């Protein structure tokens, strides 16, 4: 029973041509992995010497921060503290980019 204002139920057109099967569309580089390569992505070349230098510099800067913060708690803020923190941030971002992309 159909109430006023309602549309009738949809019925397929028996004279319409058949629909082609649904095809999945993939973007370039979105192909399924080949057998034996599941979960593997091509690894970019990493400059291990530069990564090591950055990590060493990051560790050195990080070791200096607690004493600078302790001095800041006493009311004496090192003029280099802000620069050290910015350098730590830049180094950590660069390391993440090199190692995880």
PDB file of N, CA and C in Angstrom:
ATOM      1  N   UNK A   1       0.828  -1.168   0.000  1.00  0.00           N
ATOM      2  CA  UNK A   1       0.000   0.000   0.000  1.00  0.00           C
ATOM      3  C   UNK A   1       0.879   1.240   0.000  1.00  0.00           C
ATOM      4  N   UNK A   2       0.557   2.182  -0.830  1.00  0.00           N
ATOM      5  CA  UNK A   2       1.353   3.385  -0.975  1.00  0.00           C
ATOM      6  C   UNK A   2       0.539   4.572  -0.473  1.00  0.00           C
ATOM      7  N   UNK A   3       1.167   5.367   0.383  1.00  0.00           N
ATOM      8  CA  UNK A   3       0.507   6.560   0.905  1.00  0.00           C
ATOM      9  C   UNK A   3       0.736   7.727  -0.041  1.00  0.00           C
ATOM     10  N   UNK A   4      -0.139   8.725  -0.015  1.00  0.00           N
ATOM     11  CA  UNK A   4       0.061   9.890  -0.875  1.00  0.00           C
ATOM     12  C   UNK A   4       1.393  10.570  -0.525  1.00  0.00           C
ATOM     13  N   UNK A   5       2.145  10.974  -1.561  1.00  0.00           N
ATOM     14  CA  UNK A   5       3.423  11.649  -1.361  1.00  0.00           C
ATOM     15  C   UNK A   5       4.608  10.698  -1.330  1.00  0.00           C
ATOM     16  N   UNK A   6       4.388   9.407  -1.343  1.00  0.00           N
ATOM     17  CA  UNK A   6       5.481   8.440  -1.343  1.00  0.00           C
ATOM     18  C   UNK A   6       5.771   8.011  -2.768  1.00  0.00           C
ATOM     19  N   UNK A   7       7.017   7.702  -3.020  1.00  0.00           N
ATOM     20  CA  UNK A   7       7.415   7.202  -4.333  1.00  0.00           C
ATOM     21  C   UNK A   7       7.215   5.700  -4.377  1.00  0.00           C
ATOM     22  N   UNK A   8       6.893   5.191  -5.560  1.00  0.00           N
ATOM     23  CA  UNK A   8       6.766   3.738  -5.661  1.00  0.00           C
ATOM     24  C   UNK A   8       8.131   3.084  -5.496  1.00  0.00           C
ATOM     25  N   UNK A   9       8.175   1.832  -5.084  1.00  0.00           N
ATOM     26  CA  UNK A   9       9.470   1.161  -4.936  1.00  0.00           C
ATOM     27  C   UNK A   9      10.169   1.048  -6.280  1.00  0.00           C
ATOM     28  N   UNK A  10      11.506   1.093  -6.254  1.00  0.00           N
ATOM     29  CA  UNK A  10      12.303   1.012  -7.476  1.00  0.00           C
ATOM     30  C   UNK A  10      12.284  -0.406  -8.011  1.00  0.00           C
ATOM     31  N   UNK A  11      12.109  -0.507  -9.302  1.00  0.00           N
ATOM     32  CA  UNK A  11      12.187  -1.809  -9.966  1.00  0.00           C
ATOM     33  C   UNK A  11      13.114  -1.657 -11.162  1.00  0.00           C
ATOM     34  N   UNK A  12      13.951  -2.651 -11.427  1.00  0.00           N
ATOM     35  CA  UNK A  12      14.888  -2.527 -12.551  1.00  0.00           C
ATOM     36  C   UNK A  12      14.139  -2.526 -13.874  1.00  0.00           C
ATOM     37  N   UNK A  13      14.716  -1.850 -14.858  1.00  0.00           N
ATOM     38  CA  UNK A  13      14.146  -1.788 -16.200  1.00  0.00           C
ATOM     39  C   UNK A  13      14.514  -3.081 -16.925  1.00  0.00           C
ATOM     40  N   UNK A  14      13.551  -3.893 -17.287  1.00  0.00           N
ATOM     41  CA  UNK A  14      13.892  -5.159 -17.952  1.00  0.00           C
ATOM     42  C   UNK A  14      14.485  -4.940 -19.337  1.00  0.00           C
ATOM     43  N   UNK A  15      14.303  -3.770 -19.956  1.00  0.00           N
ATOM     44  CA  UNK A  15      14.832  -3.508 -21.290  1.00  0.00           C
ATOM     45  C   UNK A  15      16.207  -2.844 -21.263  1.00  0.00           C
ATOM     46  N   UNK A  16      16.723  -2.499 -20.075  1.00  0.00           N
ATOM     47  CA  UNK A  16      18.017  -1.826 -19.963  1.00  0.00           C
ATOM     48  C   UNK A  16      19.146  -2.817 -20.223  1.00  0.00           C
ATOM     49  N   UNK A  17      20.277  -2.335 -20.818  1.00  0.00           N
ATOM     50  CA  UNK A  17      21.412  -3.243 -21.031  1.00  0.00           C
ATOM     51  C   UNK A  17      22.001  -3.658 -19.676  1.00  0.00           C
ATOM     52  N   UNK A  18      22.619  -4.832 -19.620  1.00  0.00           N
ATOM     53  CA  UNK A  18      23.182  -5.280 -18.340  1.00  0.00           C
ATOM     54  C   UNK A  18      24.324  -4.375 -17.906  1.00  0.00           C
ATOM     55  N   UNK A  19      24.447  -4.189 -16.594  1.00  0.00           N
ATOM     56  CA  UNK A  19      25.535  -3.377 -16.043  1.00  0.00           C
ATOM     57  C   UNK A  19      26.830  -4.165 -16.081  1.00  0.00           C
ATOM     58  N   UNK A  20      27.948  -3.491 -16.413  1.00  0.00           N
ATOM     59  CA  UNK A  20      29.230  -4.196 -16.338  1.00  0.00           C
ATOM     60  C   UNK A  20      29.565  -4.460 -14.869  1.00  0.00           C
ATOM     61  N   UNK A  21      30.369  -5.473 -14.598  1.00  0.00           N
ATOM     62  CA  UNK A  21      30.730  -5.739 -13.201  1.00  0.00           C
ATOM     63  C   UNK A  21      31.501  -4.559 -12.631  1.00  0.00           C
ATOM     64  N   UNK A  22      31.356  -4.339 -11.336  1.00  0.00           N
ATOM     65  CA  UNK A  22      32.075  -3.259 -10.674  1.00  0.00           C
ATOM     66  C   UNK A  22      33.573  -3.512 -10.793  1.00  0.00           C
ATOM     67  N   UNK A  23      34.277  -2.471 -11.160  1.00  0.00           N
ATOM     68  CA  UNK A  23      35.722  -2.551 -11.301  1.00  0.00           C
ATOM     69  C   UNK A  23      36.339  -1.659 -10.241  1.00  0.00           C
ATOM     70  N   UNK A  24      37.305  -2.202  -9.502  1.00  0.00           N
ATOM     71  CA  UNK A  24      37.991  -1.387  -8.508  1.00  0.00           C
ATOM     72  C   UNK A  24      38.994  -0.499  -9.218  1.00  0.00           C
ATOM     73  N   UNK A  25      39.014   0.748  -8.836  1.00  0.00           N
ATOM     74  CA  UNK A  25      39.955   1.693  -9.422  1.00  0.00           C
ATOM     75  C   UNK A  25      41.050   1.960  -8.413  1.00  0.00           C
ATOM     76  N   UNK A  26      42.286   1.833  -8.858  1.00  0.00           N
ATOM     77  CA  UNK A  26      43.444   2.063  -7.991  1.00  0.00           C
ATOM     78  C   UNK A  26      44.239   3.237  -8.523  1.00  0.00           C
ATOM     79  N   UNK A  27      44.850   3.952  -7.612  1.00  0.00           N
ATOM     80  CA  UNK A  27      45.753   5.025  -7.985  1.00  0.00           C
ATOM     81  C   UNK A  27      47.104   4.419  -8.323  1.00  0.00           C
ATOM     82  N   UNK A  28      47.919   5.121  -9.131  1.00  0.00           N
ATOM     83  CA  UNK A  28      49.256   4.596  -9.413  1.00  0.00           C
ATOM     84  C   UNK A  28      50.014   4.374  -8.110  1.00  0.00           C
ATOM     85  N   UNK A  29      50.715   3.285  -8.033  1.00  0.00           N
ATOM     86  CA  UNK A  29      51.460   2.953  -6.823  1.00  0.00           C
ATOM     87  C   UNK A  29      50.608   2.291  -5.767  1.00  0.00           C
ATOM     88  N   UNK A  30      49.349   2.057  -6.063  1.00  0.00           N
ATOM     89  CA  UNK A  30      48.433   1.460  -5.101  1.00  0.00           C
ATOM     90  C   UNK A  30      48.127   0.005  -5.468  1.00  0.00           C
ATOM     91  N   UNK A  31      49.015  -0.592  -6.263  1.00  0.00           N
ATOM     92  CA  UNK A  31      48.806  -1.964  -6.686  1.00  0.00           C
ATOM     93  C   UNK A  31      48.954  -2.892  -5.491  1.00  0.00           C
ATOM     94  N   UNK A  32      48.247  -4.006  -5.527  1.00  0.00           N
ATOM     95  CA  UNK A  32      48.411  -4.951  -4.422  1.00  0.00           C
ATOM     96  C   UNK A  32      49.828  -5.507  -4.413  1.00  0.00           C
ATOM     97  N   UNK A  33      50.354  -5.860  -3.244  1.00  0.00           N
ATOM     98  CA  UNK A  33      51.722  -6.356  -3.176  1.00  0.00           C
ATOM     99  C   UNK A  33      51.858  -7.691  -3.898  1.00  0.00           C
ATOM    100  N   UNK A  34      53.017  -7.885  -4.455  1.00  0.00           N
ATOM    101  CA  UNK A  34      53.333  -9.142  -5.111  1.00  0.00           C
ATOM    102  C   UNK A  34      53.525 -10.215  -4.050  1.00  0.00           C
ATOM    103  N   UNK A  35      53.330 -11.479  -4.413  1.00  0.00           N
ATOM    104  CA  UNK A  35      53.541 -12.550  -3.428  1.00  0.00           C
ATOM    105  C   UNK A  35      54.943 -12.475  -2.840  1.00  0.00           C
ATOM    106  N   UNK A  36      55.020 -12.585  -1.520  1.00  0.00           N
ATOM    107  CA  UNK A  36      56.312 -12.515  -0.832  1.00  0.00           C
ATOM    108  C   UNK A  36      56.727 -11.110  -0.471  1.00  0.00           C
ATOM    109  N   UNK A  37      55.951 -10.088  -0.876  1.00  0.00           N
ATOM    110  CA  UNK A  37      56.315  -8.705  -0.589  1.00  0.00           C
ATOM    111  C   UNK A  37      55.272  -8.003   0.265  1.00  0.00           C
ATOM    112  N   UNK A  38      54.407  -8.748   0.920  1.00  0.00           N
ATOM    113  CA  UNK A  38      53.360  -8.141   1.723  1.00  0.00           C
ATOM    114  C   UNK A  38      53.984  -7.291   2.822  1.00  0.00           C
ATOM    115  N   UNK A  39      53.492  -6.071   2.955  1.00  0.00           N
ATOM    116  CA  UNK A  39      53.926  -5.195   4.037  1.00  0.00           C
ATOM    117  C   UNK A  39      55.279  -4.551   3.811  1.00  0.00           C
ATOM    118  N   UNK A  40      55.933  -4.788   2.686  1.00  0.00           N
ATOM    119  CA  UNK A  40      57.246  -4.200   2.434  1.00  0.00           C
ATOM    120  C   UNK A  40      57.085  -3.001   1.516  1.00  0.00           C
ATOM    121  N   UNK A  41      57.753  -1.908   1.894  1.00  0.00           N
ATOM    122  CA  UNK A  41      57.792  -0.728   1.052  1.00  0.00           C
ATOM    123  C   UNK A  41      59.241  -0.511   0.659  1.00  0.00           C
ATOM    124  N   UNK A  42      59.480   0.026  -0.515  1.00  0.00           N
ATOM    125  CA  UNK A  42      60.870   0.298  -0.873  1.00  0.00           C
ATOM    126  C   UNK A  42      61.451   1.316   0.101  1.00  0.00           C
ATOM    127  N   UNK A  43      62.589   0.988   0.643  1.00  0.00           N
ATOM    128  CA  UNK A  43      63.233   1.854   1.620  1.00  0.00           C
ATOM    129  C   UNK A  43      64.090   2.891   0.907  1.00  0.00           C
ATOM    130  N   UNK A  44      63.918   4.178   1.240  1.00  0.00           N
ATOM    131  CA  UNK A  44      64.775   5.189   0.642  1.00  0.00           C
ATOM    132  C   UNK A  44      66.188   5.064   1.204  1.00  0.00           C
ATOM    133  N   UNK A  45      67.136   5.573   0.454  1.00  0.00           N
ATOM    134  CA  UNK A  45      68.529   5.557   0.905  1.00  0.00           C
ATOM    135  C   UNK A  45      68.687   6.508   2.078  1.00  0.00           C
ATOM    136  N   UNK A  46      69.331   6.041   3.127  1.00  0.00           N
ATOM    137  CA  UNK A  46      69.557   6.850   4.328  1.00  0.00           C
ATOM    138  C   UNK A  46      71.030   7.167   4.420  1.00  0.00           C
ATOM    139  N   UNK A  47      71.337   8.435   4.641  1.00  0.00           N
ATOM    140  CA  UNK A  47      72.718   8.855   4.865  1.00  0.00           C
ATOM    141  C   UNK A  47      73.051   8.546   6.319  1.00  0.00           C
ATOM    142  N   UNK A  48      73.569   7.349   6.546  1.00  0.00           N
ATOM    143  CA  UNK A  48      73.787   6.892   7.921  1.00  0.00           C
ATOM    144  C   UNK A  48      74.783   7.760   8.669  1.00  0.00           C
ATOM    145  N   UNK A  49      75.785   8.294   7.988  1.00  0.00           N
ATOM    146  CA  UNK A  49      76.765   9.155   8.658  1.00  0.00           C
ATOM    147  C   UNK A  49      76.089  10.432   9.156  1.00  0.00           C
ATOM    148  N   UNK A  50      75.229  11.022   8.317  1.00  0.00           N
ATOM    149  CA  UNK A  50      74.531  12.245   8.722  1.00  0.00           C
ATOM    150  C   UNK A  50      73.545  11.961   9.848  1.00  0.00           C
ATOM    151  N   UNK A  51      72.842  10.852   9.770  1.00  0.00           N
ATOM    152  CA  UNK A  51      71.900  10.481  10.827  1.00  0.00           C
ATOM    153  C   UNK A  51      72.638  10.310  12.143  1.00  0.00           C
ATOM    154  N   UNK A  52      73.808   9.679  12.101  1.00  0.00           N
ATOM    155  CA  UNK A  52      74.619   9.475  13.323  1.00  0.00           C
ATOM    156  C   UNK A  52      75.065  10.821  13.886  1.00  0.00           C
ATOM    157  N   UNK A  53      75.531  11.729  13.031  1.00  0.00           N
ATOM    158  CA  UNK A  53      75.961  13.059  13.506  1.00  0.00           C
ATOM    159  C   UNK A  53      74.789  13.806  14.138  1.00  0.00           C
ATOM    160  N   UNK A  54      73.633  13.760  13.468  1.00  0.00           N
ATOM    161  CA  UNK A  54      72.444  14.437  14.004  1.00  0.00           C
ATOM    162  C   UNK A  54      72.037  13.845  15.353  1.00  0.00           C
ATOM    163  N   UNK A  55      72.073  12.526  15.464  1.00  0.00           N
ATOM    164  CA  UNK A  55      71.693  11.869  16.717  1.00  0.00           C
ATOM    165  C   UNK A  55      72.669  12.223  17.834  1.00  0.00           C
ATOM    166  N   UNK A  56      73.953  12.274  17.524  1.00  0.00           N
ATOM    167  CA  UNK A  56      74.948  12.650  18.540  1.00  0.00           C
ATOM    168  C   UNK A  56      74.753  14.093  18.994  1.00  0.00           C
ATOM    169  N   UNK A  57      74.502  14.977  18.025  1.00  0.00           N
ATOM    170  CA  UNK A  57      74.278  16.384  18.381  1.00  0.00           C
ATOM    171  C   UNK A  57      73.000  16.539  19.203  1.00  0.00           C
ATOM    172  N   UNK A  58      71.964  15.796  18.839  1.00  0.00           N
ATOM    173  CA  UNK A  58      70.706  15.837  19.581  1.00  0.00           C
ATOM    174  C   UNK A  58      70.918  15.372  21.020  1.00  0.00           C
ATOM    175  N   UNK A  59      71.664  14.298  21.198  1.00  0.00           N
ATOM    176  CA  UNK A  59      71.937  13.786  22.549  1.00  0.00           C
ATOM    177  C   UNK A  59      72.729  14.807  23.366  1.00  0.00           C
ATOM    178  N   UNK A  60      73.719  15.441  22.745  1.00  0.00           N
ATOM    179  CA  UNK A  60      74.535  16.443  23.450  1.00  0.00           C
ATOM    180  C   UNK A  60      73.668  17.628  23.891  1.00  0.00           C
ATOM    181  N   UNK A  61      72.825  18.120  22.979  1.00  0.00           N
ATOM    182  CA  UNK A  61      71.954  19.237  23.325  1.00  0.00           C
ATOM    183  C   UNK A  61      70.963  18.848  24.420  1.00  0.00           C
ATOM    184  N   UNK A  62      70.413  17.645  24.327  1.00  0.00           N
ATOM    185  CA  UNK A  62      69.441  17.188  25.318  1.00  0.00           C
ATOM    186  C   UNK A  62      70.078  17.061  26.698  1.00  0.00           C
ATOM    187  N   UNK A  63      71.356  16.683  26.756  1.00  0.00           N
ATOM    188  CA  UNK A  63      72.048  16.575  28.047  1.00  0.00           C
ATOM    189  C   UNK A  63      72.215  17.934  28.719  1.00  0.00           C
ATOM    190  N   UNK A  64      72.282  19.003  27.930  1.00  0.00           N
ATOM    191  CA  UNK A  64      72.485  20.350  28.485  1.00  0.00           C
ATOM    192  C   UNK A  64      71.188  20.972  29.000  1.00  0.00           C
ATOM    193  N   UNK A  65      70.053  20.488  28.561  1.00  0.00           N
ATOM    194  CA  UNK A  65      68.771  21.114  28.891  1.00  0.00           C
ATOM    195  C   UNK A  65      68.432  21.059  30.384  1.00  0.00           C
ATOM    196  N   UNK A  66      68.595  19.923  31.084  1.00  0.00           N
ATOM    197  CA  UNK A  66      68.193  19.907  32.500  1.00  0.00           C
ATOM    198  C   UNK A  66      68.883  20.976  33.357  1.00  0.00           C
ATOM    199  N   UNK A  67      70.176  21.200  33.130  1.00  0.00           N
ATOM    200  CA  UNK A  67      70.863  22.226  33.932  1.00  0.00           C
ATOM    201  C   UNK A  67      70.354  23.621  33.570  1.00  0.00           C
ATOM    202  N   UNK A  68      70.046  23.844  32.298  1.00  0.00           N
ATOM    203  CA  UNK A  68      69.510  25.151  31.886  1.00  0.00           C
ATOM    204  C   UNK A  68      68.130  25.375  32.485  1.00  0.00           C
ATOM    205  N   UNK A  69      67.311  24.317  32.538  1.00  0.00           N
ATOM    206  CA  UNK A  69      65.974  24.433  33.129  1.00  0.00           C
ATOM    207  C   UNK A  69      66.092  24.675  34.633  1.00  0.00           C
ATOM    208  N   UNK A  70      67.034  24.016  35.275  1.00  0.00           N
ATOM    209  CA  UNK A  70      67.244  24.217  36.718  1.00  0.00           C
ATOM    210  C   UNK A  70      67.616  25.678  36.990  1.00  0.00           C
ATOM    211  N   UNK A  71      68.476  26.236  36.157  1.00  0.00           N
ATOM    212  CA  UNK A  71      68.846  27.646  36.308  1.00  0.00           C
ATOM    213  C   UNK A  71      67.632  28.553  36.064  1.00  0.00           C
ATOM    214  N   UNK A  72      66.788  28.183  35.092  1.00  0.00           N
ATOM    215  CA  UNK A  72      65.592  28.981  34.807  1.00  0.00           C
ATOM    216  C   UNK A  72      64.636  28.952  35.990  1.00  0.00           C
ATOM    217  N   UNK A  73      64.574  27.816  36.696  1.00  0.00           N
ATOM    218  CA  UNK A  73      63.720  27.727  37.888  1.00  0.00           C
ATOM    219  C   UNK A  73      64.217  28.633  39.001  1.00  0.00           C
ATOM    220  N   UNK A  74      65.492  28.959  38.971  1.00  0.00           N
ATOM    221  CA  UNK A  74      66.069  29.874  39.973  1.00  0.00           C
ATOM    222  C   UNK A  74      65.985  31.320  39.518  1.00  0.00           C
ATOM    223  N   UNK A  75      65.419  31.543  38.334  1.00  0.00           N
ATOM    224  CA  UNK A  75      65.240  32.911  37.858  1.00  0.00           C
ATOM    225  C   UNK A  75      66.298  33.369  36.885  1.00  0.00           C
ATOM    226  N   UNK A  76      67.236  32.487  36.513  1.00  0.00           N
ATOM    227  CA  UNK A  76      68.295  32.854  35.576  1.00  0.00           C
ATOM    228  C   UNK A  76      68.094  32.042  34.301  1.00  0.00           C
ATOM    229  N   UNK A  77      67.573  32.691  33.251  1.00  0.00           N
ATOM    230  CA  UNK A  77      67.308  31.999  31.996  1.00  0.00           C
ATOM    231  C   UNK A  77      68.482  32.234  31.050  1.00  0.00           C
ATOM    232  N   UNK A  78      69.059  31.149  30.590  1.00  0.00           N
ATOM    233  CA  UNK A  78      70.164  31.236  29.640  1.00  0.00           C
ATOM    234  C   UNK A  78      69.645  31.781  28.321  1.00  0.00           C
ATOM    235  N   UNK A  79      70.412  32.701  27.738  1.00  0.00           N
ATOM    236  CA  UNK A  79      69.982  33.266  26.462  1.00  0.00           C
ATOM    237  C   UNK A  79      70.038  32.223  25.347  1.00  0.00           C
ATOM    238  N   UNK A  80      70.783  31.149  25.545  1.00  0.00           N
ATOM    239  CA  UNK A  80      70.910  30.106  24.526  1.00  0.00           C
ATOM    240  C   UNK A  80      69.852  29.010  24.659  1.00  0.00           C
ATOM    241  N   UNK A  81      69.092  29.005  25.741  1.00  0.00           N
ATOM    242  CA  UNK A  81      68.126  27.927  25.967  1.00  0.00           C
ATOM    243  C   UNK A  81      67.102  27.835  24.839  1.00  0.00           C
ATOM    244  N   UNK A  82      66.552  28.957  24.424  1.00  0.00           N
ATOM    245  CA  UNK A  82      65.561  28.948  23.348  1.00  0.00           C
ATOM    246  C   UNK A  82      66.179  28.418  22.054  1.00  0.00           C
ATOM    247  N   UNK A  83      67.396  28.846  21.744  1.00  0.00           N
ATOM    248  CA  UNK A  83      68.070  28.368  20.538  1.00  0.00           C
ATOM    249  C   UNK A  83      68.349  26.870  20.618  1.00  0.00           C
ATOM    250  N   UNK A  84      68.730  26.392  21.804  1.00  0.00           N
ATOM    251  CA  UNK A  84      68.987  24.962  21.983  1.00  0.00           C
ATOM    252  C   UNK A  84      67.709  24.156  21.771  1.00  0.00           C
ATOM    253  N   UNK A  85      66.609  24.624  22.328  1.00  0.00           N
ATOM    254  CA  UNK A  85      65.336  23.917  22.172  1.00  0.00           C
ATOM    255  C   UNK A  85      64.880  23.899  20.717  1.00  0.00           C
ATOM    256  N   UNK A  86      65.066  25.008  20.008  1.00  0.00           N
ATOM    257  CA  UNK A  86      64.713  25.044  18.590  1.00  0.00           C
ATOM    258  C   UNK A  86      65.588  24.083  17.787  1.00  0.00           C
ATOM    259  N   UNK A  87      66.871  24.030  18.116  1.00  0.00           N
ATOM    260  CA  UNK A  87      67.787  23.131  17.414  1.00  0.00           C
ATOM    261  C   UNK A  87      67.398  21.669  17.675  1.00  0.00           C
ATOM    262  N   UNK A  88      67.026  21.357  18.915  1.00  0.00           N
ATOM    263  CA  UNK A  88      66.578  20.000  19.259  1.00  0.00           C
ATOM    264  C   UNK A  88      65.354  19.636  18.420  1.00  0.00           C
ATOM    265  N   UNK A  89      64.422  20.562  18.313  1.00  0.00           N
ATOM    266  CA  UNK A  89      63.202  20.307  17.534  1.00  0.00           C
ATOM    267  C   UNK A  89      63.527  20.046  16.070  1.00  0.00           C
ATOM    268  N   UNK A  90      64.409  20.860  15.486  1.00  0.00           N
ATOM    269  CA  UNK A  90      64.773  20.682  14.081  1.00  0.00           C
ATOM    270  C   UNK A  90      65.490  19.352  13.863  1.00  0.00           C
ATOM    271  N   UNK A  91      66.402  19.005  14.760  1.00  0.00           N
ATOM    272  CA  UNK A  91      67.132  17.747  14.616  1.00  0.00           C
ATOM    273  C   UNK A  91      66.192  16.547  14.737  1.00  0.00           C
ATOM    274  N   UNK A  92      65.280  16.596  15.692  1.00  0.00           N
ATOM    275  CA  UNK A  92      64.375  15.461  15.871  1.00  0.00           C
ATOM    276  C   UNK A  92      63.443  15.313  14.666  1.00  0.00           C
ATOM    277  N   UNK A  93      62.978  16.423  14.107  1.00  0.00           N
ATOM    278  CA  UNK A  93      62.137  16.351  12.911  1.00  0.00           C
ATOM    279  C   UNK A  93      62.914  15.767  11.738  1.00  0.00           C
ATOM    280  N   UNK A  94      64.163  16.186  11.591  1.00  0.00           N
ATOM    281  CA  UNK A  94      64.969  15.673  10.482  1.00  0.00           C
ATOM    282  C   UNK A  94      65.243  14.184  10.654  1.00  0.00           C
ATOM    283  N   UNK A  95      65.527  13.761  11.870  1.00  0.00           N
ATOM    284  CA  UNK A  95      65.760  12.335  12.123  1.00  0.00           C
ATOM    285  C   UNK A  95      64.515  11.510  11.822  1.00  0.00           C
ATOM    286  N   UNK A  96      63.358  11.978  12.273  1.00  0.00           N
ATOM    287  CA  UNK A  96      62.100  11.258  11.982  1.00  0.00           C
ATOM    288  C   UNK A  96      61.868  11.161  10.486  1.00  0.00           C
ATOM    289  N   UNK A  97      62.098  12.262   9.780  1.00  0.00           N
ATOM    290  CA  UNK A  97      61.884  12.266   8.333  1.00  0.00           C
ATOM    291  C   UNK A  97      62.842  11.293   7.644  1.00  0.00           C
ATOM    292  N   UNK A  98      64.087  11.275   8.049  1.00  0.00           N
ATOM    293  CA  UNK A  98      65.081  10.392   7.434  1.00  0.00           C
ATOM    294  C   UNK A  98      64.779   8.923   7.735  1.00  0.00           C
ATOM    295  N   UNK A  99      64.383   8.618   8.948  1.00  0.00           N
ATOM    296  CA  UNK A  99      64.250   7.228   9.360  1.00  0.00           C
ATOM    297  C   UNK A  99      62.891   6.630   9.072  1.00  0.00           C
ATOM    298  N   UNK A 100      61.836   7.427   8.995  1.00  0.00           N
ATOM    299  CA  UNK A 100      60.488   6.878   8.913  1.00  0.00           C
ATOM    300  C   UNK A 100      59.739   7.240   7.647  1.00  0.00           C
ATOM    301  N   UNK A 101      60.393   7.778   6.656  1.00  0.00           N
ATOM    302  CA  UNK A 101      59.691   8.040   5.394  1.00  0.00           C
ATOM    303  C   UNK A 101      60.368   7.331   4.281  1.00  0.00           C
TER     304      UNK A 101
END
